[in-house]
Protein backbone atom coordinates (compact mmCIF):
# COMPACT_ATOMS: atom_id res chain seq x y z
CA MET A 1 -84.63 56.86 -11.89
CA VAL A 2 -82.63 58.50 -9.16
CA LYS A 3 -84.13 56.07 -6.68
CA ASN A 4 -83.11 53.07 -8.83
CA LYS A 5 -79.49 54.29 -9.11
CA ALA A 6 -79.27 54.79 -5.35
CA LEU A 7 -80.60 51.27 -4.79
CA MET A 8 -78.02 49.77 -7.17
CA ALA A 9 -75.15 51.63 -5.39
CA CYS A 10 -76.27 50.24 -2.04
CA ASN A 11 -76.33 46.70 -3.42
CA MET A 12 -72.74 47.08 -4.78
CA LEU A 13 -71.50 48.29 -1.41
CA LEU A 14 -73.08 45.29 0.30
CA ILE A 15 -71.42 42.84 -2.18
CA ILE A 16 -67.93 44.40 -1.82
CA GLY A 17 -68.24 44.40 1.94
CA SER A 18 -69.23 40.71 2.02
CA ILE A 19 -66.07 39.78 0.01
CA ALA A 20 -63.60 42.10 1.71
CA ALA A 21 -64.70 41.41 5.24
CA PRO A 22 -63.97 37.66 5.25
CA ALA A 23 -60.58 38.25 3.58
CA THR A 24 -59.59 40.80 6.21
CA SER A 25 -60.88 38.61 8.97
CA GLN A 26 -59.05 35.52 7.60
CA THR A 27 -55.76 37.42 7.36
CA VAL A 28 -55.98 38.59 10.93
CA VAL A 29 -56.81 35.12 12.21
CA SER A 30 -53.92 33.50 10.19
CA THR A 31 -51.42 36.00 11.57
CA ALA A 32 -52.59 35.40 15.11
CA LYS A 33 -52.17 31.61 14.75
CA ALA A 34 -48.69 31.87 13.15
CA THR A 35 -47.03 33.86 15.94
CA PRO A 36 -49.00 33.70 19.19
CA PRO A 37 -47.27 35.98 21.68
CA SER A 38 -47.62 33.59 24.60
CA LEU A 39 -46.26 30.35 22.96
CA PRO A 40 -42.57 29.50 22.23
CA PRO A 41 -41.51 28.95 18.62
CA LYS A 42 -42.28 25.53 17.26
CA LYS A 43 -39.32 23.07 17.24
CA LYS A 44 -38.07 21.85 13.88
CA GLU A 45 -39.05 18.36 12.90
CA ALA A 46 -36.31 15.74 12.33
CA VAL A 47 -36.90 15.47 8.63
CA ILE A 48 -34.03 15.42 6.15
CA PRO A 49 -34.56 18.07 3.49
CA VAL A 50 -35.71 16.52 0.25
CA PHE A 51 -34.40 17.59 -3.12
CA VAL A 52 -34.79 14.51 -5.22
CA ARG A 53 -32.89 13.86 -8.45
CA SER A 54 -34.74 11.91 -11.07
CA ALA A 55 -33.39 8.37 -11.42
CA SER A 56 -34.21 5.61 -13.83
CA LYS A 57 -36.66 3.23 -12.15
CA SER A 58 -35.59 0.22 -14.19
CA MET A 59 -31.90 0.94 -13.64
CA SER A 60 -32.07 1.62 -9.91
CA ALA A 61 -34.37 -1.30 -9.16
CA ALA A 62 -31.87 -3.71 -10.73
CA ILE A 63 -28.79 -2.54 -8.80
CA ARG A 64 -27.83 -4.85 -5.94
CA VAL A 65 -25.37 -4.16 -3.12
CA SER A 66 -23.64 -6.82 -1.01
CA VAL A 67 -21.30 -6.34 1.96
CA ASN A 68 -18.90 -9.23 2.58
CA GLY A 69 -21.13 -11.48 0.51
CA ALA A 70 -24.44 -10.59 2.21
CA GLU A 71 -26.97 -8.59 0.19
CA VAL A 72 -28.07 -5.33 1.82
CA ASN A 73 -31.79 -4.64 2.24
CA PHE A 74 -32.33 -0.88 1.95
CA GLY A 75 -36.05 -0.88 2.65
CA LEU A 76 -37.61 2.10 0.86
CA GLY A 77 -34.21 3.36 -0.30
CA GLU A 78 -32.41 1.97 -3.30
CA PRO A 79 -29.17 2.51 -5.24
CA VAL A 80 -29.47 4.72 -8.28
CA GLU A 81 -27.41 5.66 -11.31
CA ALA A 82 -27.08 9.37 -12.06
CA ASP A 83 -24.84 11.03 -14.64
CA GLY A 84 -22.83 7.83 -15.09
CA ARG A 85 -22.12 7.47 -11.34
CA ILE A 86 -23.52 4.93 -8.91
CA LEU A 87 -25.09 6.41 -5.77
CA VAL A 88 -25.79 4.08 -2.84
CA PRO A 89 -27.90 4.70 0.28
CA MET A 90 -25.50 5.85 2.93
CA ARG A 91 -27.33 4.48 5.97
CA GLY A 92 -27.79 0.94 4.62
CA VAL A 93 -24.17 0.48 3.53
CA PHE A 94 -22.60 2.20 6.51
CA GLU A 95 -24.70 0.29 9.03
CA ALA A 96 -23.81 -2.97 7.26
CA LEU A 97 -20.17 -1.99 7.80
CA GLY A 98 -20.78 -1.44 11.50
CA ALA A 99 -21.15 2.36 11.46
CA SER A 100 -23.91 4.32 13.19
CA VAL A 101 -25.70 7.04 11.19
CA LYS A 102 -27.57 10.04 12.67
CA TYR A 103 -29.08 13.25 11.32
CA ASP A 104 -28.60 16.66 12.99
CA VAL A 105 -31.76 18.71 12.48
CA ASP A 106 -30.28 22.09 13.36
CA THR A 107 -27.31 21.87 10.98
CA GLN A 108 -29.02 19.54 8.48
CA THR A 109 -25.89 17.36 8.60
CA ILE A 110 -25.61 13.57 8.41
CA HIS A 111 -23.11 12.06 10.87
CA ALA A 112 -21.63 8.56 10.67
CA VAL A 113 -19.26 7.00 13.21
CA ARG A 114 -17.33 3.74 12.96
CA GLY A 115 -14.61 3.18 15.53
CA VAL A 116 -12.27 6.15 15.39
CA THR A 117 -13.60 7.31 12.01
CA THR A 118 -16.13 10.15 11.98
CA ILE A 119 -17.92 11.39 8.85
CA ALA A 120 -20.05 14.48 8.37
CA LEU A 121 -21.81 15.65 5.21
CA ARG A 122 -24.79 17.72 4.17
CA PRO A 123 -27.00 16.88 1.21
CA GLY A 124 -26.18 19.23 -1.64
CA ASP A 125 -22.56 19.86 -0.56
CA GLU A 126 -19.73 18.89 -2.92
CA SER A 127 -17.44 17.73 -0.10
CA ALA A 128 -17.58 15.81 3.18
CA GLN A 129 -15.58 15.83 6.39
CA VAL A 130 -13.71 12.64 7.33
CA ASN A 131 -11.98 12.93 10.72
CA GLY A 132 -11.96 16.70 10.19
CA GLU A 133 -10.34 16.44 6.74
CA THR A 134 -12.23 17.75 3.71
CA ARG A 135 -12.82 15.09 1.06
CA PRO A 136 -14.28 16.11 -2.32
CA LEU A 137 -17.26 14.18 -3.65
CA GLU A 138 -17.69 13.12 -7.26
CA SER A 139 -21.21 14.44 -7.00
CA PRO A 140 -23.12 15.99 -4.07
CA ALA A 141 -24.98 13.78 -1.64
CA GLN A 142 -28.66 13.67 -2.57
CA ILE A 143 -31.99 12.52 -1.22
CA VAL A 144 -33.71 9.80 -3.26
CA ASN A 145 -37.00 8.34 -2.02
CA GLY A 146 -36.30 9.72 1.46
CA SER A 147 -32.80 8.23 1.75
CA ALA A 148 -29.47 10.03 1.55
CA VAL A 149 -27.36 8.56 -1.26
CA VAL A 150 -23.62 9.16 -1.74
CA PRO A 151 -21.18 8.31 -4.56
CA LEU A 152 -19.91 4.75 -4.44
CA ARG A 153 -16.27 5.84 -4.25
CA PHE A 154 -16.97 7.85 -1.10
CA VAL A 155 -17.86 4.64 0.75
CA SER A 156 -14.39 3.38 -0.11
CA GLU A 157 -12.55 6.56 0.84
CA ALA A 158 -14.51 7.19 4.02
CA LEU A 159 -14.35 3.82 5.78
CA GLY A 160 -11.49 2.06 4.01
CA ALA A 161 -13.74 -0.59 2.49
CA LYS A 162 -13.03 -2.10 -0.92
CA VAL A 163 -15.83 -1.37 -3.39
CA LYS A 164 -16.33 -2.80 -6.87
CA TRP A 165 -18.99 -2.11 -9.48
CA ASN A 166 -19.90 -4.71 -12.10
CA PRO A 167 -21.75 -2.93 -14.93
CA GLU A 168 -22.76 -6.22 -16.55
CA THR A 169 -24.53 -7.69 -13.54
CA LEU A 170 -25.43 -4.29 -12.02
CA GLU A 171 -23.94 -5.42 -8.72
CA VAL A 172 -21.96 -3.48 -6.12
CA THR A 173 -19.70 -5.57 -3.86
CA VAL A 174 -18.24 -4.12 -0.66
CA SER A 175 -15.55 -5.98 1.30
CA THR A 176 -13.72 -5.14 4.50
CA GLU A 177 -10.32 -6.76 3.89
CA ALA A 178 -8.64 -3.42 4.49
CA LEU A 179 -10.53 -2.98 7.75
CA GLU A 180 -9.16 -6.31 8.95
CA ALA A 181 -5.66 -5.35 7.84
CA MET A 182 -5.92 -2.16 9.87
CA LYS A 183 -5.96 -4.34 13.00
CA LEU A 184 -2.34 -5.37 12.35
CA PRO A 185 0.40 -3.69 14.40
CA ALA A 186 1.90 -0.55 12.94
CA ALA A 187 5.33 -0.67 11.34
CA PRO A 188 8.19 0.24 13.68
CA ARG A 189 9.26 3.88 13.66
CA LYS A 190 12.36 3.64 11.48
CA ASN A 191 13.77 5.51 8.51
CA ALA A 192 12.83 2.59 6.26
CA VAL A 193 10.72 -0.58 6.43
CA VAL A 194 12.08 -3.53 4.43
CA GLY A 195 10.22 -6.76 3.79
CA MET A 196 7.91 -8.70 1.50
CA LEU A 197 4.74 -6.95 0.33
CA THR A 198 1.72 -8.90 1.58
CA GLY A 199 -1.20 -6.55 0.90
CA ILE A 200 -2.17 -3.48 -1.13
CA TYR A 201 -5.13 -1.44 0.08
CA PRO A 202 -5.75 1.73 -1.96
CA GLU A 203 -9.10 2.24 -0.23
CA ALA A 204 -7.27 2.62 3.10
CA LYS A 205 -4.12 4.20 1.62
CA MET A 206 -1.83 1.63 3.14
CA VAL A 207 0.16 -1.53 2.43
CA THR A 208 1.13 -4.46 4.62
CA VAL A 209 4.70 -5.77 4.80
CA ARG A 210 6.10 -8.94 6.37
CA LEU A 211 9.35 -8.07 8.11
CA ALA A 212 12.38 -10.25 8.66
CA GLY A 213 11.36 -12.59 11.42
CA GLY A 214 7.83 -13.09 10.06
CA ASN A 215 5.88 -10.22 11.66
CA ASN A 216 3.23 -8.76 9.36
CA VAL A 217 2.73 -5.00 9.87
CA ARG A 218 0.64 -2.24 8.33
CA VAL A 219 2.35 0.76 6.72
CA PRO A 220 0.15 3.85 6.18
CA LEU A 221 1.12 5.91 3.16
CA THR A 222 0.92 9.60 2.40
CA TYR A 223 -1.75 10.76 -0.02
CA ASP A 224 0.49 11.06 -3.11
CA VAL A 225 3.14 8.40 -2.44
CA SER A 226 4.88 6.93 -5.49
CA ALA A 227 6.66 3.66 -6.24
CA THR A 228 10.02 3.39 -7.99
CA ARG A 229 11.16 0.14 -9.55
CA ARG A 230 14.92 -0.13 -9.94
CA THR A 231 17.28 -2.72 -11.32
CA ILE A 232 20.92 -3.03 -10.30
CA GLY A 233 21.90 -4.40 -13.72
CA THR A 234 25.00 -6.34 -14.66
CA ALA A 235 27.49 -3.48 -14.46
CA LEU A 236 28.24 -2.64 -10.85
CA PRO A 237 27.78 -0.18 -9.30
CA THR A 238 25.55 1.33 -12.02
CA ILE A 239 21.86 1.43 -11.02
CA ALA A 240 19.24 1.58 -13.76
CA THR A 241 16.04 3.13 -12.36
CA THR A 242 12.72 2.99 -14.14
CA ALA A 243 10.23 5.83 -14.05
CA SER A 244 8.20 6.23 -10.89
CA ALA A 245 4.44 5.76 -10.82
CA PRO A 246 1.70 6.20 -8.21
CA VAL A 247 1.94 3.32 -5.81
CA PHE A 248 -1.67 2.21 -6.36
CA SER A 249 -1.56 2.32 -10.16
CA ALA A 250 -1.53 -0.89 -12.17
CA ASP A 251 1.67 -2.97 -11.84
CA ALA A 252 3.41 -0.31 -9.74
CA VAL A 253 3.93 -2.85 -6.95
CA LYS A 254 2.99 -6.51 -6.71
CA ILE A 255 2.23 -8.75 -3.76
CA GLY A 256 5.21 -11.00 -3.07
CA GLU A 257 7.80 -8.46 -4.11
CA GLN A 258 10.35 -7.21 -1.64
CA VAL A 259 9.99 -3.50 -0.98
CA GLN A 260 11.73 -0.76 0.94
CA VAL A 261 9.37 1.92 2.26
CA GLU A 262 10.99 5.22 3.16
CA MET A 263 9.20 6.67 6.22
CA ASN A 264 8.62 10.18 7.56
CA ASP A 265 8.63 11.29 11.19
CA GLU A 266 4.90 10.62 11.53
CA GLY A 267 5.31 6.94 10.64
CA GLU A 268 3.90 7.29 7.11
CA GLY A 269 5.46 5.96 3.93
CA LEU A 270 6.83 8.61 1.59
CA LEU A 271 8.31 6.41 -1.14
CA VAL A 272 8.14 2.73 -2.02
CA LEU A 273 11.27 1.25 -3.62
CA VAL A 274 11.12 -2.08 -5.43
CA ASN A 275 14.48 -3.73 -6.20
CA THR A 276 13.50 -6.01 -9.05
CA ASP A 277 16.67 -8.12 -8.99
CA LEU A 278 17.58 -8.09 -5.28
CA ARG A 279 16.25 -9.91 -2.24
CA ARG A 280 17.48 -9.16 1.27
CA GLY A 281 16.63 -10.78 4.53
CA GLU A 282 17.19 -13.45 7.14
CA VAL A 283 17.56 -17.06 6.02
CA LYS A 284 14.87 -19.41 7.27
CA SER A 285 15.92 -22.51 5.36
CA VAL A 286 18.00 -23.77 2.42
CA GLU A 287 16.45 -26.80 0.70
CA PRO A 288 18.31 -28.69 -2.07
CA LEU A 289 16.41 -29.41 -5.28
CA PRO A 290 17.77 -32.69 -6.65
CA THR A 291 15.74 -32.54 -9.86
CA THR A 292 17.29 -29.25 -10.99
CA GLY A 293 20.56 -29.33 -9.10
CA GLY A 294 19.75 -25.99 -7.50
CA ALA A 295 18.24 -25.08 -4.14
CA ARG A 296 15.32 -23.22 -2.63
CA VAL A 297 16.16 -20.42 -0.20
CA THR A 298 13.33 -19.23 2.05
CA LEU A 299 13.64 -15.98 3.98
CA THR A 300 11.85 -15.24 7.23
CA ASP A 301 9.75 -12.53 5.55
CA GLY A 302 8.17 -15.21 3.37
CA SER A 303 10.22 -14.63 0.23
CA VAL A 304 11.12 -17.83 -1.61
CA ILE A 305 13.99 -17.77 -4.12
CA THR A 306 14.89 -20.68 -6.38
CA MET A 307 18.67 -20.76 -6.88
CA ILE A 308 20.29 -21.89 -10.13
CA PRO A 309 22.75 -24.81 -10.07
CA ASN A 310 26.20 -23.76 -8.85
CA PRO A 311 25.33 -20.15 -7.96
CA LEU A 312 28.01 -17.69 -6.95
CA VAL A 313 27.99 -17.69 -3.13
CA ARG A 314 30.24 -15.51 -1.00
CA TYR A 315 31.08 -15.29 2.66
CA GLN A 316 33.41 -12.45 3.69
CA ASN A 317 33.95 -11.82 -0.03
CA ARG A 318 35.29 -15.35 -0.65
CA PRO A 319 33.59 -18.21 -2.52
CA VAL A 320 31.86 -20.81 -0.34
CA PRO A 321 29.45 -23.68 -1.11
CA LEU A 322 25.73 -22.91 -0.93
CA ASP A 323 25.10 -25.69 1.59
CA THR A 324 27.23 -23.82 4.14
CA ILE A 325 24.60 -21.07 4.38
CA LYS A 326 22.83 -21.42 7.71
CA PRO A 327 19.49 -20.23 9.15
CA ALA A 328 19.40 -16.82 10.82
CA GLU A 329 22.17 -15.46 8.57
CA GLN A 330 21.52 -12.16 6.80
CA VAL A 331 21.93 -12.47 3.05
CA VAL A 332 21.45 -10.52 -0.15
CA ILE A 333 20.51 -12.48 -3.29
CA ARG A 334 20.89 -11.34 -6.91
CA LEU A 335 18.26 -12.49 -9.39
CA ASN A 336 18.76 -13.11 -13.08
CA GLU A 337 16.34 -12.12 -15.84
CA LYS A 338 14.20 -15.18 -15.09
CA GLY A 339 13.85 -14.22 -11.44
CA GLU A 340 16.12 -17.05 -10.28
CA GLY A 341 18.76 -16.64 -7.61
CA ALA A 342 22.11 -16.47 -9.38
CA ALA A 343 24.35 -15.08 -6.64
CA LEU A 344 24.24 -14.83 -2.86
CA ALA A 345 26.33 -12.95 -0.32
CA VAL A 346 26.26 -13.29 3.45
CA LEU A 347 26.11 -9.92 5.13
CA THR A 348 28.80 -9.69 7.77
CA PRO A 349 30.13 -6.72 9.74
CA GLY A 350 32.87 -4.93 7.87
CA ALA A 351 32.08 -6.52 4.49
CA THR A 352 33.06 -4.16 1.65
CA ASN A 353 30.74 -5.44 -1.08
CA MET A 354 27.20 -6.18 0.07
CA ILE A 355 25.80 -6.85 -3.43
CA PRO A 356 27.17 -9.94 -5.21
CA PRO A 357 27.73 -9.70 -8.97
CA LEU A 358 25.97 -12.02 -11.36
CA PRO A 359 28.08 -14.95 -12.56
CA GLY A 360 30.13 -13.88 -15.57
CA ALA A 361 29.41 -10.18 -15.11
CA VAL A 362 32.47 -9.57 -12.97
CA PRO A 363 35.37 -12.07 -12.75
CA ASP A 364 35.20 -13.99 -9.50
CA PRO A 365 38.20 -13.31 -7.31
CA VAL A 366 40.62 -16.24 -7.35
CA VAL A 367 43.06 -16.77 -4.53
CA SER A 368 46.32 -16.85 -6.50
CA VAL A 369 49.33 -18.69 -5.20
CA PRO A 370 52.50 -16.73 -5.88
CA THR A 371 55.28 -18.55 -7.71
CA PRO A 372 58.20 -18.74 -5.28
CA THR A 373 61.73 -17.77 -6.24
CA PRO A 374 64.19 -20.64 -5.63
CA SER A 375 66.23 -19.97 -2.54
CA VAL A 376 69.97 -20.65 -3.14
CA THR A 377 72.43 -20.43 -0.30
CA PRO A 378 75.87 -19.44 -1.64
CA ALA A 379 78.56 -21.99 -0.80
CA THR A 380 81.60 -20.84 1.19
CA THR A 381 84.65 -21.31 -0.97
CA PRO A 382 87.98 -21.46 0.89
CA LYS A 383 90.65 -19.14 -0.32
CA PRO A 384 93.38 -20.92 -2.32
CA ALA A 385 96.87 -21.01 -0.92
CA ARG A 386 99.20 -18.48 -2.13
CA GLY A 387 100.91 -19.62 -5.32
CA SER A 388 98.43 -22.47 -6.02
CA ALA A 389 95.70 -22.55 -8.64
CA PRO A 390 92.12 -22.21 -7.37
CA LYS A 391 90.01 -25.38 -7.26
CA LYS A 392 86.68 -25.50 -9.03
CA ALA A 393 83.65 -26.07 -6.86
CA PRO A 394 81.81 -29.32 -7.64
CA ALA A 395 78.60 -28.91 -9.60
CA ASN A 396 75.38 -29.20 -7.54
CA THR A 397 73.34 -31.84 -9.34
CA THR A 398 70.46 -31.95 -6.78
CA PRO A 399 67.50 -29.82 -8.03
CA LEU A 400 66.14 -27.22 -5.61
CA LYS A 401 62.47 -27.63 -4.44
CA PRO A 402 60.39 -24.48 -4.48
CA VAL A 403 58.74 -23.53 -1.22
CA VAL A 404 54.96 -23.41 -1.89
CA PRO A 405 52.77 -21.86 0.85
CA ALA A 406 49.63 -23.74 1.82
CA PRO A 407 46.39 -22.34 0.31
CA GLU A 408 44.29 -20.16 2.59
CA PRO A 409 41.51 -22.12 4.31
CA ILE A 410 37.85 -21.23 3.87
CA PRO A 411 36.84 -18.82 6.64
CA ASP A 412 35.22 -20.44 9.64
CA ARG A 413 31.41 -20.39 9.39
CA PRO A 414 29.55 -19.05 12.38
CA PRO A 415 27.80 -21.70 14.48
CA ALA A 416 24.22 -22.51 13.58
């Protein structure tokens, strides 16, 4: 009995030893392979960290993206819809826009460069760096099927491209009109830029304005610039101003309107003023319209104003015919409620009233001719002789003619 128990104890020790020995040996070997003392640490592989959000296969597979009319082929990547937002592969869209995309292994940061624009973001972060400025993201950048995807709006804000999403056709369209407009010359460094609005680019936070003379320039705007629409009204000099609104909101400003952009010292627009019933600029041409009896006035900034028949036209604050207005003259035109030119004034040095009133609003000045007082020269009556009766002077039967001064001539017009 004692011999049997001793035999069983020996067998148990042999079994435990056979299990424990390999485990101990395996642990030692694994540790030796992980950190060999003679080899340098292994370099990180250039693999973007993957933390994939679940996306609807049917939804993402149907989304198409086109850049300037050409559909983008993303390869293994694809646009997805997550939490009501459209996420597009960053590399495919940015490279289609001419940007280069690289991944920094050490910092796990994605870098994109296009011209002077640099972008840096890390998957999982809620913001990105654009030219060193922090831009919040609607949702963090993510990795889907091995591709980094970013919110659709970020593509617009980062590179100044115009992006639209059509939920009915599940199509994303990206255009680079703003990028082309950015090639225009910058507006001159002045306190204000006045001209006709030719382009509105919220994606690039800028507008384009055609100045007097015809030059089209780009005007960068500050981040929170507003637009104020104001109307002179019929009672001068009262100015009725409507409420201001963000410049890129609906109907805040319209292409073709004449604007005045107040500038800061850095050459950025602080405020956009829209005079709804005024047009200022240099005359390019005045074309009669026989069918209506009016005329079409074209300014060098591209503004075209249709004048009513017999508008109120002034030169040096005196009425003149419309056909005396010549090219290259600086004018200000008042518009009526229909947007037609009802009054025009030529801007001249020393003029006191630069804004003409609407016809009927203020009586037009009339050059009055004063009524002269008849000039009577008293007749010399000789003294009667002493002792004789005085003689009566004969009655003057010839009527006296009043002296009427000639009316003032119309001021000389400057040569064409």
